[in-house]
Amino acid sequence: MTANDPIIPLSSIYELGRAADGNPLVHTIETPYGGHIGQPGHSPQWFATVLATFFRYSTSAAEAVPP
């Protein structure tokens, strides 16, 4: 989530954060900038690592994404 997203209103950030509260498997991150593409625009390498890790640990794509 980014604070300067021109499409998704700022109020959605708080709603998503509240929806994630109490769920240890969901983490929300707000960055001050990044526009509508959010974390890929703000931290592209971090985002690529998160996606690769997710797919590496998923049962259907465990061998499709190299470390």
N, C-alpha and C. Protein backbone atom coordinates (compact mmCIF):
# COMPACT_ATOMS: atom_id res chain seq x y z
N MET A 1 0.85 -1.17 0.00
CA MET A 1 0.00 0.00 0.00
C MET A 1 0.89 1.23 0.00
N THR A 2 0.50 2.22 -0.75
CA THR A 2 1.26 3.46 -0.76
C THR A 2 0.36 4.63 -0.42
N ALA A 3 0.93 5.58 0.27
CA ALA A 3 0.16 6.75 0.69
C ALA A 3 -0.16 7.67 -0.48
N ASN A 4 0.57 7.54 -1.57
CA ASN A 4 0.30 8.44 -2.70
C ASN A 4 -0.29 7.71 -3.91
N ASP A 5 -1.04 6.65 -3.69
CA ASP A 5 -1.68 5.92 -4.77
C ASP A 5 -2.77 6.80 -5.38
N PRO A 6 -2.71 7.09 -6.68
CA PRO A 6 -3.70 7.97 -7.29
C PRO A 6 -5.04 7.28 -7.59
N ILE A 7 -5.09 5.95 -7.42
CA ILE A 7 -6.31 5.21 -7.77
C ILE A 7 -7.04 4.70 -6.53
N ILE A 8 -6.31 4.11 -5.61
CA ILE A 8 -6.92 3.56 -4.39
C ILE A 8 -6.85 4.63 -3.31
N PRO A 9 -7.99 4.98 -2.72
CA PRO A 9 -8.00 6.05 -1.73
C PRO A 9 -7.23 5.68 -0.46
N LEU A 10 -6.69 6.70 0.18
CA LEU A 10 -5.92 6.51 1.40
C LEU A 10 -6.71 5.75 2.47
N SER A 11 -8.02 5.96 2.51
CA SER A 11 -8.84 5.28 3.52
C SER A 11 -8.76 3.77 3.36
N SER A 12 -8.50 3.27 2.17
CA SER A 12 -8.39 1.83 1.95
C SER A 12 -7.20 1.23 2.69
N ILE A 13 -6.15 2.03 2.86
CA ILE A 13 -4.98 1.54 3.58
C ILE A 13 -5.38 1.15 4.99
N TYR A 14 -6.14 2.00 5.63
CA TYR A 14 -6.56 1.71 7.00
C TYR A 14 -7.52 0.53 7.05
N GLU A 15 -8.41 0.43 6.08
CA GLU A 15 -9.34 -0.70 6.03
C GLU A 15 -8.61 -2.02 5.84
N LEU A 16 -7.61 -2.04 4.95
CA LEU A 16 -6.84 -3.26 4.74
C LEU A 16 -6.04 -3.62 5.99
N GLY A 17 -5.49 -2.63 6.65
CA GLY A 17 -4.75 -2.88 7.89
C GLY A 17 -5.64 -3.47 8.96
N ARG A 18 -6.85 -2.93 9.10
CA ARG A 18 -7.80 -3.46 10.09
C ARG A 18 -8.21 -4.88 9.73
N ALA A 19 -8.39 -5.16 8.44
CA ALA A 19 -8.78 -6.50 8.02
C ALA A 19 -7.68 -7.53 8.31
N ALA A 20 -6.43 -7.08 8.30
CA ALA A 20 -5.31 -7.99 8.56
C ALA A 20 -5.05 -8.19 10.05
N ASP A 21 -5.53 -7.30 10.88
CA ASP A 21 -5.31 -7.41 12.32
C ASP A 21 -5.79 -8.77 12.84
N GLY A 22 -4.96 -9.39 13.64
CA GLY A 22 -5.33 -10.66 14.24
C GLY A 22 -5.02 -11.86 13.37
N ASN A 23 -4.56 -11.64 12.14
CA ASN A 23 -4.20 -12.75 11.27
C ASN A 23 -2.69 -12.79 11.15
N PRO A 24 -2.03 -13.76 11.79
CA PRO A 24 -0.57 -13.79 11.78
C PRO A 24 0.02 -14.09 10.40
N LEU A 25 -0.80 -14.52 9.46
CA LEU A 25 -0.31 -14.84 8.13
C LEU A 25 -0.38 -13.67 7.16
N VAL A 26 -0.98 -12.55 7.61
CA VAL A 26 -1.14 -11.39 6.74
C VAL A 26 -0.37 -10.22 7.33
N HIS A 27 0.44 -9.60 6.51
CA HIS A 27 1.21 -8.44 6.94
C HIS A 27 0.95 -7.31 5.95
N THR A 28 0.69 -6.13 6.45
CA THR A 28 0.52 -4.99 5.57
C THR A 28 1.70 -4.05 5.74
N ILE A 29 2.10 -3.45 4.64
CA ILE A 29 3.22 -2.51 4.64
C ILE A 29 2.76 -1.28 3.89
N GLU A 30 2.92 -0.12 4.51
CA GLU A 30 2.59 1.15 3.85
C GLU A 30 3.87 1.90 3.59
N THR A 31 4.04 2.34 2.34
CA THR A 31 5.18 3.17 2.00
C THR A 31 4.66 4.57 1.67
N PRO A 32 5.49 5.59 1.87
CA PRO A 32 5.02 6.95 1.62
C PRO A 32 4.86 7.26 0.13
N TYR A 33 5.55 6.50 -0.71
CA TYR A 33 5.43 6.74 -2.15
C TYR A 33 5.58 5.42 -2.89
N GLY A 34 5.35 5.44 -4.15
CA GLY A 34 5.39 4.24 -4.98
C GLY A 34 4.25 4.26 -5.98
N GLY A 35 3.32 5.23 -5.77
CA GLY A 35 2.20 5.35 -6.69
C GLY A 35 1.31 4.13 -6.68
N HIS A 36 0.64 3.88 -7.79
CA HIS A 36 -0.30 2.76 -7.84
C HIS A 36 0.41 1.41 -7.86
N ILE A 37 1.65 1.37 -8.31
CA ILE A 37 2.34 0.08 -8.32
C ILE A 37 2.99 -0.23 -6.98
N GLY A 38 2.93 0.68 -6.05
CA GLY A 38 3.33 0.43 -4.67
C GLY A 38 4.73 -0.11 -4.48
N GLN A 39 4.83 -1.24 -3.77
CA GLN A 39 6.14 -1.79 -3.43
C GLN A 39 6.98 -2.14 -4.66
N PRO A 40 6.41 -2.61 -5.78
CA PRO A 40 7.28 -2.85 -6.93
C PRO A 40 7.97 -1.56 -7.39
N GLY A 41 7.31 -0.42 -7.25
CA GLY A 41 7.92 0.84 -7.63
C GLY A 41 8.86 1.38 -6.58
N HIS A 42 8.52 1.13 -5.33
CA HIS A 42 9.33 1.64 -4.21
C HIS A 42 10.56 0.77 -3.97
N SER A 43 10.39 -0.54 -3.97
CA SER A 43 11.48 -1.47 -3.65
C SER A 43 11.41 -2.68 -4.58
N PRO A 44 11.81 -2.52 -5.84
CA PRO A 44 11.63 -3.61 -6.80
C PRO A 44 12.35 -4.91 -6.43
N GLN A 45 13.56 -4.83 -5.89
CA GLN A 45 14.27 -6.06 -5.55
C GLN A 45 13.60 -6.78 -4.38
N TRP A 46 13.17 -6.02 -3.38
CA TRP A 46 12.46 -6.62 -2.24
C TRP A 46 11.19 -7.31 -2.73
N PHE A 47 10.45 -6.65 -3.60
CA PHE A 47 9.20 -7.22 -4.10
C PHE A 47 9.46 -8.49 -4.90
N ALA A 48 10.50 -8.49 -5.74
CA ALA A 48 10.83 -9.67 -6.53
C ALA A 48 11.19 -10.84 -5.61
N THR A 49 11.92 -10.54 -4.53
CA THR A 49 12.29 -11.58 -3.57
C THR A 49 11.06 -12.15 -2.87
N VAL A 50 10.13 -11.28 -2.49
CA VAL A 50 8.89 -11.75 -1.84
C VAL A 50 8.11 -12.66 -2.78
N LEU A 51 7.97 -12.25 -4.04
CA LEU A 51 7.23 -13.09 -5.00
C LEU A 51 7.93 -14.42 -5.23
N ALA A 52 9.23 -14.39 -5.41
CA ALA A 52 9.97 -15.63 -5.64
C ALA A 52 9.85 -16.56 -4.44
N THR A 53 9.94 -16.01 -3.24
CA THR A 53 9.80 -16.82 -2.02
C THR A 53 8.42 -17.42 -1.93
N PHE A 54 7.39 -16.62 -2.21
CA PHE A 54 6.02 -17.13 -2.17
C PHE A 54 5.86 -18.32 -3.11
N PHE A 55 6.29 -18.16 -4.35
CA PHE A 55 6.11 -19.24 -5.32
C PHE A 55 7.01 -20.43 -5.03
N ARG A 56 8.18 -20.18 -4.45
CA ARG A 56 9.06 -21.28 -4.09
C ARG A 56 8.42 -22.18 -3.05
N TYR A 57 7.68 -21.58 -2.11
CA TYR A 57 7.07 -22.36 -1.04
C TYR A 57 5.66 -22.86 -1.37
N SER A 58 5.12 -22.42 -2.48
CA SER A 58 3.80 -22.94 -2.86
C SER A 58 3.99 -24.35 -3.42
N THR A 59 3.03 -25.20 -3.19
CA THR A 59 3.19 -26.60 -3.58
C THR A 59 3.17 -26.78 -5.09
N SER A 60 2.44 -25.93 -5.81
CA SER A 60 2.33 -26.13 -7.25
C SER A 60 3.50 -25.59 -8.04
N ALA A 61 4.25 -24.66 -7.46
CA ALA A 61 5.36 -24.05 -8.20
C ALA A 61 6.69 -24.18 -7.48
N ALA A 62 6.79 -25.13 -6.58
CA ALA A 62 7.98 -25.24 -5.74
C ALA A 62 9.27 -25.37 -6.54
N GLU A 63 9.21 -26.02 -7.68
CA GLU A 63 10.43 -26.20 -8.46
C GLU A 63 10.50 -25.25 -9.65
N ALA A 64 9.51 -24.40 -9.81
CA ALA A 64 9.47 -23.50 -10.97
C ALA A 64 10.29 -22.22 -10.76
N VAL A 65 10.53 -21.85 -9.51
CA VAL A 65 11.26 -20.62 -9.22
C VAL A 65 12.58 -20.98 -8.57
N PRO A 66 13.71 -20.71 -9.25
CA PRO A 66 15.00 -21.04 -8.65
C PRO A 66 15.31 -20.12 -7.47
N PRO A 67 16.17 -20.58 -6.56
CA PRO A 67 16.52 -19.73 -5.41
C PRO A 67 17.23 -18.45 -5.83
